[in-house]
Amino acid sequence: MIKKVLILLIVVGLAGILAGKPNIECYGKTYLGLSETIALDGYSLSAVTCGNKKPTVIIEPGLNVHKESYYGLQRRIFSHAKVITYDHAGIGESTRNDNPRTLPSYVQELKEMIARKGLEPPYILIGHSLGGHIVRYFAELYPNEVAGLIFLDHPHEDWFRYIRANWSVEEQNDYFKWWNPEITSEDQVKLIERREYDHNNDLIRGKVIPDDIPVLMFTADNYKHFRKDPVAKAEDMQAWAEMQASLIENVKDAKQIVDWETGHWPHRDKPSEIAHEIIGFIDSVNSTM
């Protein structure tokens, strides 16, 4: 009897997938490893799309981060929008290409994916960590295609400069080791991304967010980027928040949420609270479109 019930539940679940129920279809397929493969020029990007409402929300991953890290957020917000998360070229299930791991390449690849999927602007772009650089660069090039920007603990491009000006030589040497790995193969995309990070800081520096694009910014306790001494850490945390705030000081409709109870992955640490704020932002933006 128990076996019959289990079989029935499995059949019902599969029937739901085939019938196109949004929450079952999207995450049933994802968990089975059936992400969408988007063939581009000599490489492919792996993406997962959930929901069918406007606007389109695109989640830009952080440095070395796979799309799976955003499934929880995607699942919580896709009833309010079409939500896409994907792997950067050479990361996760996406194949490598010969493009440098710099902001122009990331934006070019995003544009190619958007075109291939036939997505209509304007978009809300969510940038986590390095993804914040990418969505800002996108907004600089294509401001009319951006309806809103959301930042998940996006470091300011001058953070490395702050460290070099305020940390001891020993602290600096220890910190920057991770950012300067030895690279022996072009296939080591994660290492290449790390080596290019400071170059990408230079590329985004001075790029101002258009003042008419709404912004929601989450600032968190990115403890790996702070010194361990309590007094020094407090100074670093204050600088971290103030530097992020400076990115949106001229934006007409901007909100910064500073929550030191969340880490560099605020959408994981407080998933319901973060999703609630993002849904409110999506609905607000959507009401003006």
Protein backbone atom coordinates (compact mmCIF):
# COMPACT_ATOMS: atom_id res chain seq x y z
CA MET A 1 0.00 0.00 0.00
CA ILE A 2 2.81 2.42 0.91
CA LYS A 3 4.61 1.65 -2.36
CA LYS A 4 1.41 2.33 -4.31
CA VAL A 5 1.00 5.72 -2.59
CA LEU A 6 4.61 6.67 -3.33
CA ILE A 7 4.24 5.69 -6.98
CA LEU A 8 1.02 7.72 -7.19
CA LEU A 9 2.76 10.79 -5.73
CA ILE A 10 5.61 10.48 -8.22
CA VAL A 11 3.16 10.17 -11.12
CA VAL A 12 1.21 13.19 -9.89
CA GLY A 13 4.43 15.18 -9.56
CA LEU A 14 5.53 14.34 -13.08
CA ALA A 15 2.07 15.17 -14.37
CA GLY A 16 2.39 18.57 -12.73
CA ILE A 17 5.68 19.17 -14.49
CA LEU A 18 4.23 18.22 -17.86
CA ALA A 19 1.15 20.37 -17.19
CA GLY A 20 3.39 23.38 -16.74
CA LYS A 21 2.72 24.35 -13.15
CA PRO A 22 5.31 27.16 -12.66
CA ASN A 23 6.72 26.22 -9.27
CA ILE A 24 6.92 22.49 -10.02
CA GLU A 25 8.11 22.85 -13.60
CA CYS A 26 10.88 25.29 -12.88
CA TYR A 27 12.36 23.57 -9.87
CA GLY A 28 11.46 20.05 -10.87
CA LYS A 29 13.57 20.47 -13.98
CA THR A 30 16.34 22.31 -12.20
CA TYR A 31 16.80 19.67 -9.56
CA LEU A 32 16.96 17.03 -12.31
CA GLY A 33 19.82 18.95 -13.90
CA LEU A 34 17.82 20.02 -16.95
CA SER A 35 18.95 23.64 -17.13
CA GLU A 36 18.53 25.46 -20.43
CA THR A 37 21.62 25.52 -22.65
CA ILE A 38 21.86 28.69 -24.72
CA ALA A 39 24.15 28.24 -27.71
CA LEU A 40 26.10 31.36 -28.60
CA ASP A 41 29.12 32.03 -30.82
CA GLY A 42 31.45 29.13 -30.06
CA TYR A 43 30.29 28.61 -26.48
CA SER A 44 27.13 28.14 -24.46
CA LEU A 45 25.60 29.57 -21.31
CA SER A 46 23.55 27.51 -18.88
CA ALA A 47 20.51 29.29 -17.49
CA VAL A 48 17.34 28.67 -15.51
CA THR A 49 14.26 30.77 -16.17
CA CYS A 50 11.30 30.87 -13.78
CA GLY A 51 8.04 32.80 -14.06
CA ASN A 52 6.38 34.57 -16.94
CA LYS A 53 5.37 37.98 -15.62
CA LYS A 54 6.91 41.31 -16.52
CA PRO A 55 9.42 42.69 -15.81
CA THR A 56 12.31 40.35 -16.57
CA VAL A 57 14.73 40.07 -13.66
CA ILE A 58 18.26 38.85 -14.38
CA ILE A 59 20.54 37.75 -11.55
CA GLU A 60 24.23 38.44 -12.22
CA PRO A 61 26.37 35.97 -10.25
CA GLY A 62 29.30 36.96 -8.11
CA LEU A 63 32.93 36.00 -8.65
CA ASN A 64 33.33 32.23 -9.22
CA VAL A 65 29.69 31.65 -8.18
CA HIS A 66 27.41 29.06 -9.80
CA LYS A 67 23.78 29.83 -10.62
CA GLU A 68 22.59 27.28 -8.06
CA SER A 69 23.53 29.78 -5.35
CA TYR A 70 20.55 31.91 -6.40
CA TYR A 71 17.87 29.23 -6.78
CA GLY A 72 16.45 30.00 -3.34
CA LEU A 73 16.06 33.69 -4.18
CA GLN A 74 14.72 32.88 -7.61
CA ARG A 75 12.13 30.52 -6.17
CA ARG A 76 10.89 33.19 -3.75
CA ILE A 77 10.41 35.99 -6.29
CA PHE A 78 9.47 34.39 -9.62
CA SER A 79 5.74 34.69 -8.97
CA HIS A 80 6.22 38.46 -9.46
CA ALA A 81 8.45 38.44 -12.55
CA LYS A 82 10.31 36.34 -15.06
CA VAL A 83 13.55 35.57 -13.22
CA ILE A 84 16.72 34.30 -14.88
CA THR A 85 19.91 33.11 -13.27
CA TYR A 86 22.84 31.72 -15.24
CA ASP A 87 26.45 30.63 -15.12
CA HIS A 88 29.12 32.92 -16.53
CA ALA A 89 31.19 31.50 -19.37
CA GLY A 90 33.57 28.87 -18.03
CA ILE A 91 31.73 28.59 -14.70
CA GLY A 92 29.36 25.82 -13.65
CA GLU A 93 27.55 24.33 -16.63
CA SER A 94 28.51 27.11 -19.07
CA THR A 95 31.37 26.44 -21.47
CA ARG A 96 34.49 28.56 -21.73
CA ASN A 97 35.17 31.06 -24.50
CA ASP A 98 38.24 33.09 -25.44
CA ASN A 99 36.91 36.40 -24.14
CA PRO A 100 38.86 38.06 -21.32
CA ARG A 101 37.12 37.97 -17.93
CA THR A 102 36.53 41.71 -17.97
CA LEU A 103 33.37 43.79 -17.72
CA PRO A 104 32.96 44.44 -21.47
CA SER A 105 33.01 40.66 -22.06
CA TYR A 106 30.53 39.91 -19.28
CA VAL A 107 28.13 42.55 -20.64
CA GLN A 108 28.59 41.37 -24.23
CA GLU A 109 27.78 37.81 -23.19
CA LEU A 110 24.75 38.98 -21.23
CA LYS A 111 23.52 40.93 -24.25
CA GLU A 112 23.99 37.89 -26.48
CA MET A 113 22.01 35.72 -24.07
CA ILE A 114 19.24 38.33 -23.88
CA ALA A 115 19.05 38.48 -27.68
CA ARG A 116 19.02 34.71 -28.10
CA LYS A 117 16.23 34.35 -25.53
CA GLY A 118 14.26 37.20 -27.09
CA LEU A 119 13.87 39.09 -23.82
CA GLU A 120 12.26 42.51 -24.03
CA PRO A 121 13.62 45.48 -22.06
CA PRO A 122 13.62 47.12 -19.66
CA TYR A 123 15.12 44.70 -17.14
CA ILE A 124 15.69 44.69 -13.42
CA LEU A 125 19.27 43.54 -12.85
CA ILE A 126 20.40 41.97 -9.58
CA GLY A 127 24.15 42.04 -9.06
CA HIS A 128 25.76 39.99 -6.32
CA SER A 129 29.33 41.00 -5.42
CA LEU A 130 31.25 41.20 -8.75
CA GLY A 131 27.84 41.01 -10.41
CA GLY A 132 27.30 44.55 -9.14
CA HIS A 133 30.18 45.74 -11.34
CA ILE A 134 28.60 43.96 -14.30
CA VAL A 135 25.09 45.40 -13.91
CA ARG A 136 26.52 48.89 -13.39
CA TYR A 137 28.58 48.54 -16.57
CA PHE A 138 25.46 47.34 -18.38
CA ALA A 139 23.49 50.34 -17.12
CA GLU A 140 26.29 52.65 -18.26
CA LEU A 141 26.09 51.29 -21.82
CA TYR A 142 22.36 50.64 -22.03
CA PRO A 143 20.55 52.90 -19.55
CA ASN A 144 17.26 52.75 -21.46
CA GLU A 145 17.18 48.97 -21.06
CA VAL A 146 17.39 49.05 -17.27
CA ALA A 147 14.26 49.51 -15.13
CA GLY A 148 16.03 49.01 -11.80
CA LEU A 149 19.21 47.82 -10.11
CA ILE A 150 19.53 45.64 -7.01
CA PHE A 151 22.88 45.08 -5.32
CA LEU A 152 23.61 42.15 -3.01
CA ASP A 153 26.63 43.29 -0.98
CA HIS A 154 28.40 44.79 -3.99
CA PRO A 155 31.93 45.94 -3.05
CA HIS A 156 32.98 49.43 -4.05
CA GLU A 157 35.68 49.56 -6.72
CA ASP A 158 37.98 51.46 -4.35
CA TRP A 159 37.94 48.79 -1.65
CA PHE A 160 41.39 47.53 -2.61
CA ARG A 161 42.64 51.12 -2.48
CA TYR A 162 41.18 51.46 1.00
CA ILE A 163 43.04 48.34 2.12
CA ARG A 164 46.33 49.53 0.66
CA ALA A 165 45.93 52.86 2.44
CA ASN A 166 44.79 51.56 5.85
CA TRP A 167 46.03 48.02 6.47
CA SER A 168 49.50 46.96 7.57
CA VAL A 169 51.84 45.48 4.98
CA GLU A 170 51.50 42.05 6.59
CA GLU A 171 47.69 42.26 6.51
CA GLN A 172 47.77 43.36 2.89
CA ASN A 173 50.08 40.56 1.83
CA ASP A 174 47.86 37.99 3.51
CA TYR A 175 44.71 39.45 1.96
CA PHE A 176 45.95 39.79 -1.62
CA LYS A 177 47.39 36.27 -1.86
CA TRP A 178 43.96 34.94 -2.79
CA TRP A 179 43.57 37.54 -5.53
CA ASN A 180 46.83 36.64 -7.26
CA PRO A 181 46.78 32.88 -7.87
CA GLU A 182 49.20 31.09 -10.16
CA ILE A 183 47.52 30.33 -13.48
CA THR A 184 48.82 27.47 -15.60
CA SER A 185 45.93 26.91 -18.00
CA GLU A 186 43.31 28.96 -19.85
CA ASP A 187 40.75 26.51 -18.48
CA GLN A 188 41.26 27.84 -14.95
CA VAL A 189 38.51 30.42 -15.39
CA LYS A 190 37.86 30.82 -11.67
CA LEU A 191 41.50 31.76 -11.09
CA ILE A 192 41.48 34.09 -14.09
CA GLU A 193 38.38 35.83 -12.72
CA ARG A 194 40.22 36.46 -9.47
CA ARG A 195 43.29 37.85 -11.22
CA GLU A 196 41.13 40.20 -13.32
CA TYR A 197 39.11 41.56 -10.41
CA ASP A 198 41.26 44.62 -9.75
CA HIS A 199 41.33 45.38 -13.47
CA ASN A 200 37.54 45.31 -13.41
CA ASN A 201 37.68 47.77 -10.50
CA ASP A 202 39.55 50.12 -12.83
CA LEU A 203 37.03 49.59 -15.62
CA ILE A 204 34.00 50.47 -13.46
CA ARG A 205 35.64 53.33 -11.56
CA GLY A 206 33.99 56.64 -12.34
CA LYS A 207 30.92 55.04 -13.93
CA VAL A 208 27.96 56.76 -12.29
CA ILE A 209 24.60 55.04 -11.92
CA PRO A 210 22.02 57.06 -13.90
CA ASP A 211 20.07 59.12 -11.38
CA ASP A 212 16.67 58.06 -12.76
CA ILE A 213 17.19 54.30 -12.34
CA PRO A 214 15.73 53.04 -9.02
CA VAL A 215 18.21 51.20 -6.81
CA LEU A 216 17.93 48.80 -3.89
CA MET A 217 21.22 48.06 -2.13
CA PHE A 218 21.90 45.44 0.54
CA THR A 219 25.04 45.93 2.63
CA ALA A 220 26.28 43.04 4.79
CA ASP A 221 29.05 41.80 7.05
CA ASN A 222 31.59 40.59 4.49
CA TYR A 223 33.91 39.48 7.27
CA LYS A 224 36.53 37.94 4.97
CA HIS A 225 37.27 41.44 3.70
CA PHE A 226 37.64 42.95 7.18
CA ARG A 227 40.51 42.87 9.64
CA LYS A 228 40.23 40.61 12.68
CA ASP A 229 41.07 43.16 15.36
CA PRO A 230 37.69 44.42 16.73
CA VAL A 231 38.56 48.13 16.47
CA ALA A 232 40.02 47.75 12.99
CA LYS A 233 37.08 45.61 11.91
CA ALA A 234 34.64 48.29 13.06
CA GLU A 235 36.52 50.84 10.96
CA ASP A 236 36.42 48.53 7.95
CA MET A 237 32.71 47.87 8.34
CA GLN A 238 31.94 51.57 8.50
CA ALA A 239 34.03 52.21 5.39
CA TRP A 240 32.40 49.25 3.60
CA ALA A 241 28.90 50.65 4.19
CA GLU A 242 29.82 54.27 3.44
CA MET A 243 31.58 53.37 0.21
CA GLN A 244 28.57 51.40 -1.00
CA ALA A 245 26.29 54.28 -0.02
CA SER A 246 28.40 56.67 -2.11
CA LEU A 247 27.45 54.73 -5.25
CA ILE A 248 23.80 55.72 -4.91
CA GLU A 249 24.00 59.15 -3.27
CA ASN A 250 22.86 60.94 -6.46
CA VAL A 251 20.14 58.45 -7.38
CA LYS A 252 16.65 59.90 -6.96
CA ASP A 253 14.98 56.65 -5.84
CA ALA A 254 17.54 54.67 -3.86
CA LYS A 255 17.42 52.61 -0.69
CA GLN A 256 20.30 51.06 1.22
CA ILE A 257 19.65 48.34 3.79
CA VAL A 258 22.59 47.73 6.11
CA ASP A 259 22.24 44.49 8.06
CA TRP A 260 25.32 43.25 9.91
CA GLU A 261 23.48 40.04 10.80
CA THR A 262 23.83 38.92 7.18
CA GLY A 263 27.05 37.94 5.46
CA HIS A 264 28.21 38.35 1.88
CA TRP A 265 25.28 36.18 0.80
CA PRO A 266 22.35 38.10 2.36
CA HIS A 267 19.82 36.23 0.21
CA ARG A 268 20.94 33.01 1.91
CA ASP A 269 21.24 34.32 5.45
CA LYS A 270 17.83 36.01 5.56
CA PRO A 271 16.06 34.59 2.53
CA SER A 272 12.50 35.61 3.42
CA GLU A 273 13.43 39.16 4.48
CA ILE A 274 15.60 39.80 1.41
CA ALA A 275 12.99 38.34 -0.93
CA HIS A 276 10.29 40.51 0.68
CA GLU A 277 12.30 43.67 0.02
CA ILE A 278 13.08 42.61 -3.55
CA ILE A 279 9.46 41.77 -4.32
CA GLY A 280 8.43 45.20 -3.02
CA PHE A 281 11.04 46.78 -5.27
CA ILE A 282 9.91 44.74 -8.31
CA ASP A 283 6.28 45.65 -7.74
CA SER A 284 7.13 49.32 -7.30
CA VAL A 285 9.18 49.41 -10.50
CA ASN A 286 6.53 47.46 -12.36
CA SER A 287 3.84 49.97 -11.35
CA THR A 288 5.72 52.71 -13.23
CA MET A 289 6.38 50.72 -16.42
